[in-house]
Amino acid sequence: LEYGGRPFVTKILLLITDGATTKEDRGKLQASSQGLKDDGVIVLAVGVGKANTDELALIAGQSDRWFLVENYTSLEQIHEIITQIVCNQSNAARERSEEHTS
């Protein structure tokens, strides 16, 4: 909410990476990822090529919220899945909002 987020509106972060966290930042990954989740942000992580799958899993926090594709052209293969997750989460937030306003 601090930077313009609205109550009862789903906050979703889609991270796409083709690498790994730098050695200097590796220790911050757990706390940063958890902080987003604690703030109610739904995190989806997409790795391209040889992205670090352990880090993708840590960032996303759930096995059904991280993906690995062969190359950037292959992102189209997961488009439908990502869209479905975003729509489902948005609909759930809308329903929660309606419960609080009625």
N, C-alpha and C. Protein backbone atom coordinates (compact mmCIF):
# COMPACT_ATOMS: atom_id res chain seq x y z
N LEU A 1 0.82 -1.19 0.00
CA LEU A 1 0.00 0.00 0.00
C LEU A 1 0.86 1.25 0.00
N GLU A 2 2.03 1.16 0.53
CA GLU A 2 2.90 2.32 0.67
C GLU A 2 3.22 2.98 -0.67
N TYR A 3 3.34 2.21 -1.72
CA TYR A 3 3.72 2.77 -3.02
C TYR A 3 2.59 2.72 -4.03
N GLY A 4 1.36 2.86 -3.57
CA GLY A 4 0.25 2.95 -4.49
C GLY A 4 -0.62 1.71 -4.58
N GLY A 5 -0.28 0.66 -3.87
CA GLY A 5 -1.12 -0.53 -3.88
C GLY A 5 -2.46 -0.23 -3.22
N ARG A 6 -3.48 -0.87 -3.71
CA ARG A 6 -4.82 -0.66 -3.14
C ARG A 6 -5.23 -1.87 -2.33
N PRO A 7 -5.98 -1.64 -1.24
CA PRO A 7 -6.45 -2.78 -0.45
C PRO A 7 -7.34 -3.70 -1.28
N PHE A 8 -7.23 -4.97 -1.02
CA PHE A 8 -8.05 -6.01 -1.67
C PHE A 8 -7.76 -6.16 -3.15
N VAL A 9 -6.67 -5.59 -3.64
CA VAL A 9 -6.26 -5.79 -5.02
C VAL A 9 -5.03 -6.69 -5.00
N THR A 10 -5.07 -7.73 -5.78
CA THR A 10 -3.99 -8.70 -5.82
C THR A 10 -2.70 -8.05 -6.30
N LYS A 11 -1.64 -8.32 -5.57
CA LYS A 11 -0.32 -7.85 -5.95
C LYS A 11 0.46 -9.06 -6.45
N ILE A 12 0.88 -8.98 -7.71
CA ILE A 12 1.57 -10.11 -8.33
C ILE A 12 2.89 -9.62 -8.91
N LEU A 13 3.94 -10.37 -8.63
CA LEU A 13 5.26 -10.09 -9.19
C LEU A 13 5.64 -11.25 -10.08
N LEU A 14 5.98 -10.95 -11.32
CA LEU A 14 6.46 -11.96 -12.26
C LEU A 14 7.93 -11.68 -12.51
N LEU A 15 8.78 -12.56 -12.02
CA LEU A 15 10.22 -12.44 -12.18
C LEU A 15 10.66 -13.37 -13.29
N ILE A 16 11.38 -12.82 -14.26
CA ILE A 16 11.94 -13.64 -15.34
C ILE A 16 13.46 -13.45 -15.30
N THR A 17 14.18 -14.56 -15.23
CA THR A 17 15.63 -14.49 -15.14
C THR A 17 16.28 -15.59 -15.96
N ASP A 18 17.48 -15.31 -16.43
CA ASP A 18 18.24 -16.35 -17.15
C ASP A 18 19.54 -16.66 -16.42
N GLY A 19 19.57 -16.36 -15.14
CA GLY A 19 20.81 -16.58 -14.40
C GLY A 19 20.57 -16.98 -12.97
N ALA A 20 21.47 -16.49 -12.14
CA ALA A 20 21.42 -16.79 -10.71
C ALA A 20 21.75 -15.51 -9.96
N THR A 21 21.43 -15.49 -8.69
CA THR A 21 21.74 -14.36 -7.84
C THR A 21 23.26 -14.20 -7.75
N THR A 22 23.70 -12.96 -7.70
CA THR A 22 25.13 -12.73 -7.55
C THR A 22 25.60 -13.25 -6.20
N LYS A 23 26.85 -13.58 -6.13
CA LYS A 23 27.41 -14.11 -4.88
C LYS A 23 27.18 -13.14 -3.73
N GLU A 24 27.30 -11.84 -3.99
CA GLU A 24 27.13 -10.84 -2.94
C GLU A 24 25.68 -10.79 -2.43
N ASP A 25 24.72 -11.05 -3.30
CA ASP A 25 23.30 -10.94 -2.93
C ASP A 25 22.65 -12.26 -2.55
N ARG A 26 23.34 -13.35 -2.70
CA ARG A 26 22.75 -14.66 -2.44
C ARG A 26 22.18 -14.78 -1.03
N GLY A 27 22.85 -14.20 -0.06
CA GLY A 27 22.39 -14.28 1.32
C GLY A 27 21.12 -13.48 1.58
N LYS A 28 20.79 -12.54 0.71
CA LYS A 28 19.60 -11.71 0.88
C LYS A 28 18.36 -12.31 0.23
N LEU A 29 18.54 -13.33 -0.58
CA LEU A 29 17.45 -13.88 -1.38
C LEU A 29 16.29 -14.40 -0.53
N GLN A 30 16.57 -15.16 0.50
CA GLN A 30 15.52 -15.72 1.34
C GLN A 30 14.70 -14.63 2.00
N ALA A 31 15.37 -13.67 2.63
CA ALA A 31 14.65 -12.60 3.34
C ALA A 31 13.85 -11.73 2.38
N SER A 32 14.42 -11.41 1.24
CA SER A 32 13.71 -10.58 0.26
C SER A 32 12.47 -11.28 -0.27
N SER A 33 12.62 -12.55 -0.60
CA SER A 33 11.49 -13.33 -1.11
C SER A 33 10.40 -13.46 -0.06
N GLN A 34 10.80 -13.75 1.16
CA GLN A 34 9.81 -13.91 2.22
C GLN A 34 9.13 -12.58 2.54
N GLY A 35 9.86 -11.49 2.48
CA GLY A 35 9.28 -10.18 2.72
C GLY A 35 8.16 -9.86 1.74
N LEU A 36 8.36 -10.20 0.48
CA LEU A 36 7.30 -9.99 -0.51
C LEU A 36 6.07 -10.81 -0.15
N LYS A 37 6.27 -12.06 0.17
CA LYS A 37 5.15 -12.93 0.51
C LYS A 37 4.43 -12.45 1.77
N ASP A 38 5.22 -12.00 2.76
CA ASP A 38 4.63 -11.47 3.99
C ASP A 38 3.78 -10.24 3.72
N ASP A 39 4.13 -9.50 2.69
CA ASP A 39 3.35 -8.32 2.29
C ASP A 39 2.17 -8.67 1.39
N GLY A 40 1.95 -9.97 1.17
CA GLY A 40 0.80 -10.41 0.38
C GLY A 40 1.03 -10.44 -1.11
N VAL A 41 2.28 -10.34 -1.53
CA VAL A 41 2.58 -10.38 -2.96
C VAL A 41 2.66 -11.84 -3.42
N ILE A 42 1.98 -12.14 -4.49
CA ILE A 42 2.07 -13.46 -5.11
C ILE A 42 3.24 -13.40 -6.07
N VAL A 43 4.21 -14.27 -5.86
CA VAL A 43 5.43 -14.23 -6.66
C VAL A 43 5.45 -15.42 -7.61
N LEU A 44 5.61 -15.13 -8.89
CA LEU A 44 5.81 -16.14 -9.92
C LEU A 44 7.22 -15.97 -10.45
N ALA A 45 7.97 -17.05 -10.53
CA ALA A 45 9.35 -16.99 -10.99
C ALA A 45 9.51 -17.85 -12.23
N VAL A 46 10.10 -17.28 -13.26
CA VAL A 46 10.32 -17.98 -14.52
C VAL A 46 11.80 -17.95 -14.83
N GLY A 47 12.36 -19.13 -15.00
CA GLY A 47 13.76 -19.24 -15.38
C GLY A 47 13.86 -19.57 -16.85
N VAL A 48 14.85 -18.99 -17.48
CA VAL A 48 15.11 -19.22 -18.90
C VAL A 48 16.48 -19.86 -19.04
N GLY A 49 16.54 -20.92 -19.82
CA GLY A 49 17.82 -21.58 -20.07
C GLY A 49 18.36 -22.26 -18.83
N LYS A 50 19.54 -21.82 -18.40
CA LYS A 50 20.23 -22.45 -17.27
C LYS A 50 20.02 -21.70 -15.96
N ALA A 51 18.85 -21.11 -15.80
CA ALA A 51 18.55 -20.41 -14.56
C ALA A 51 18.63 -21.38 -13.39
N ASN A 52 18.91 -20.86 -12.23
CA ASN A 52 19.08 -21.66 -11.03
C ASN A 52 17.70 -22.08 -10.50
N THR A 53 17.36 -23.35 -10.63
CA THR A 53 16.03 -23.82 -10.24
C THR A 53 15.82 -23.79 -8.72
N ASP A 54 16.87 -23.98 -7.95
CA ASP A 54 16.73 -23.88 -6.49
C ASP A 54 16.31 -22.47 -6.10
N GLU A 55 16.91 -21.48 -6.76
CA GLU A 55 16.56 -20.09 -6.47
C GLU A 55 15.15 -19.76 -6.95
N LEU A 56 14.75 -20.30 -8.10
CA LEU A 56 13.38 -20.08 -8.58
C LEU A 56 12.37 -20.60 -7.57
N ALA A 57 12.62 -21.79 -7.05
CA ALA A 57 11.72 -22.40 -6.07
C ALA A 57 11.67 -21.56 -4.79
N LEU A 58 12.81 -21.06 -4.36
CA LEU A 58 12.86 -20.23 -3.16
C LEU A 58 12.11 -18.92 -3.38
N ILE A 59 12.32 -18.30 -4.51
CA ILE A 59 11.68 -17.02 -4.81
C ILE A 59 10.16 -17.17 -4.86
N ALA A 60 9.69 -18.21 -5.55
CA ALA A 60 8.24 -18.40 -5.74
C ALA A 60 7.58 -18.93 -4.47
N GLY A 61 8.25 -19.78 -3.76
CA GLY A 61 7.71 -20.29 -2.50
C GLY A 61 6.74 -21.45 -2.64
N GLN A 62 6.26 -21.71 -3.83
CA GLN A 62 5.35 -22.84 -4.07
C GLN A 62 5.74 -23.49 -5.38
N SER A 63 5.65 -24.80 -5.42
CA SER A 63 6.11 -25.54 -6.61
C SER A 63 5.31 -25.21 -7.86
N ASP A 64 4.06 -24.77 -7.69
CA ASP A 64 3.25 -24.46 -8.87
C ASP A 64 3.38 -22.99 -9.30
N ARG A 65 4.35 -22.29 -8.72
CA ARG A 65 4.53 -20.87 -9.05
C ARG A 65 5.91 -20.57 -9.62
N TRP A 66 6.66 -21.60 -9.98
CA TRP A 66 7.91 -21.36 -10.69
C TRP A 66 7.99 -22.27 -11.91
N PHE A 67 8.67 -21.78 -12.93
CA PHE A 67 8.69 -22.45 -14.23
C PHE A 67 10.09 -22.32 -14.82
N LEU A 68 10.44 -23.26 -15.67
CA LEU A 68 11.71 -23.21 -16.39
C LEU A 68 11.42 -23.47 -17.86
N VAL A 69 11.89 -22.58 -18.71
CA VAL A 69 11.74 -22.75 -20.15
C VAL A 69 13.12 -22.75 -20.79
N GLU A 70 13.20 -23.32 -21.98
CA GLU A 70 14.48 -23.48 -22.65
C GLU A 70 15.09 -22.16 -23.11
N ASN A 71 14.25 -21.28 -23.66
CA ASN A 71 14.74 -20.00 -24.17
C ASN A 71 13.60 -18.98 -24.12
N TYR A 72 13.91 -17.75 -24.48
CA TYR A 72 12.89 -16.70 -24.37
C TYR A 72 11.71 -16.94 -25.32
N THR A 73 11.95 -17.55 -26.45
CA THR A 73 10.85 -17.88 -27.36
C THR A 73 9.89 -18.87 -26.70
N SER A 74 10.42 -19.71 -25.83
CA SER A 74 9.61 -20.73 -25.15
C SER A 74 8.69 -20.16 -24.08
N LEU A 75 8.81 -18.87 -23.77
CA LEU A 75 7.91 -18.27 -22.79
C LEU A 75 6.45 -18.43 -23.20
N GLU A 76 6.21 -18.48 -24.49
CA GLU A 76 4.85 -18.66 -24.99
C GLU A 76 4.23 -19.95 -24.48
N GLN A 77 5.04 -20.96 -24.20
CA GLN A 77 4.54 -22.25 -23.72
C GLN A 77 3.87 -22.14 -22.34
N ILE A 78 4.27 -21.17 -21.55
CA ILE A 78 3.70 -21.05 -20.20
C ILE A 78 2.75 -19.87 -20.08
N HIS A 79 2.53 -19.18 -21.16
CA HIS A 79 1.64 -18.00 -21.15
C HIS A 79 0.27 -18.33 -20.58
N GLU A 80 -0.32 -19.39 -21.02
CA GLU A 80 -1.67 -19.77 -20.58
C GLU A 80 -1.69 -20.11 -19.08
N ILE A 81 -0.68 -20.81 -18.63
CA ILE A 81 -0.61 -21.19 -17.21
C ILE A 81 -0.48 -19.94 -16.34
N ILE A 82 0.41 -19.04 -16.72
CA ILE A 82 0.61 -17.80 -15.97
C ILE A 82 -0.68 -16.98 -15.96
N THR A 83 -1.32 -16.87 -17.10
CA THR A 83 -2.58 -16.13 -17.20
C THR A 83 -3.62 -16.72 -16.27
N GLN A 84 -3.72 -18.03 -16.23
CA GLN A 84 -4.70 -18.70 -15.36
C GLN A 84 -4.43 -18.42 -13.89
N ILE A 85 -3.17 -18.49 -13.49
CA ILE A 85 -2.82 -18.21 -12.10
C ILE A 85 -3.20 -16.77 -11.74
N VAL A 86 -2.83 -15.82 -12.60
CA VAL A 86 -3.12 -14.41 -12.33
C VAL A 86 -4.62 -14.18 -12.24
N CYS A 87 -5.38 -14.74 -13.17
CA CYS A 87 -6.84 -14.56 -13.17
C CYS A 87 -7.46 -15.19 -11.92
N ASN A 88 -7.04 -16.39 -11.56
CA ASN A 88 -7.58 -17.05 -10.38
C ASN A 88 -7.30 -16.24 -9.12
N GLN A 89 -6.09 -15.75 -8.98
CA GLN A 89 -5.74 -14.96 -7.80
C GLN A 89 -6.50 -13.63 -7.78
N SER A 90 -6.66 -13.02 -8.92
CA SER A 90 -7.40 -11.75 -9.00
C SER A 90 -8.87 -11.95 -8.66
N ASN A 91 -9.46 -13.02 -9.14
CA ASN A 91 -10.86 -13.31 -8.83
C ASN A 91 -11.04 -13.57 -7.34
N ALA A 92 -10.11 -14.29 -6.73
CA ALA A 92 -10.20 -14.56 -5.30
C ALA A 92 -10.11 -13.26 -4.50
N ALA A 93 -9.24 -12.36 -4.92
CA ALA A 93 -9.11 -11.07 -4.23
C ALA A 93 -10.38 -10.24 -4.40
N ARG A 94 -10.96 -10.28 -5.57
CA ARG A 94 -12.20 -9.54 -5.81
C ARG A 94 -13.30 -10.06 -4.89
N GLU A 95 -13.40 -11.37 -4.75
CA GLU A 95 -14.42 -11.97 -3.88
C GLU A 95 -14.19 -11.56 -2.42
N ARG A 96 -12.93 -11.55 -1.97
CA ARG A 96 -12.62 -11.11 -0.61
C ARG A 96 -13.01 -9.65 -0.41
N SER A 97 -12.77 -8.84 -1.42
CA SER A 97 -13.11 -7.42 -1.35
C SER A 97 -14.62 -7.23 -1.24
N GLU A 98 -15.36 -8.00 -2.00
CA GLU A 98 -16.82 -7.90 -1.96
C GLU A 98 -17.36 -8.32 -0.60
N GLU A 99 -16.72 -9.31 0.02
CA GLU A 99 -17.14 -9.75 1.35
C GLU A 99 -16.92 -8.65 2.38
N HIS A 100 -15.86 -7.90 2.24
CA HIS A 100 -15.54 -6.84 3.20
C HIS A 100 -16.37 -5.58 2.98
N THR A 101 -16.91 -5.40 1.78
CA THR A 101 -17.66 -4.18 1.50
C THR A 101 -19.17 -4.38 1.57
N SER A 102 -19.61 -5.63 1.73
CA SER A 102 -21.05 -5.86 1.80
C SER A 102 -21.55 -6.00 3.21
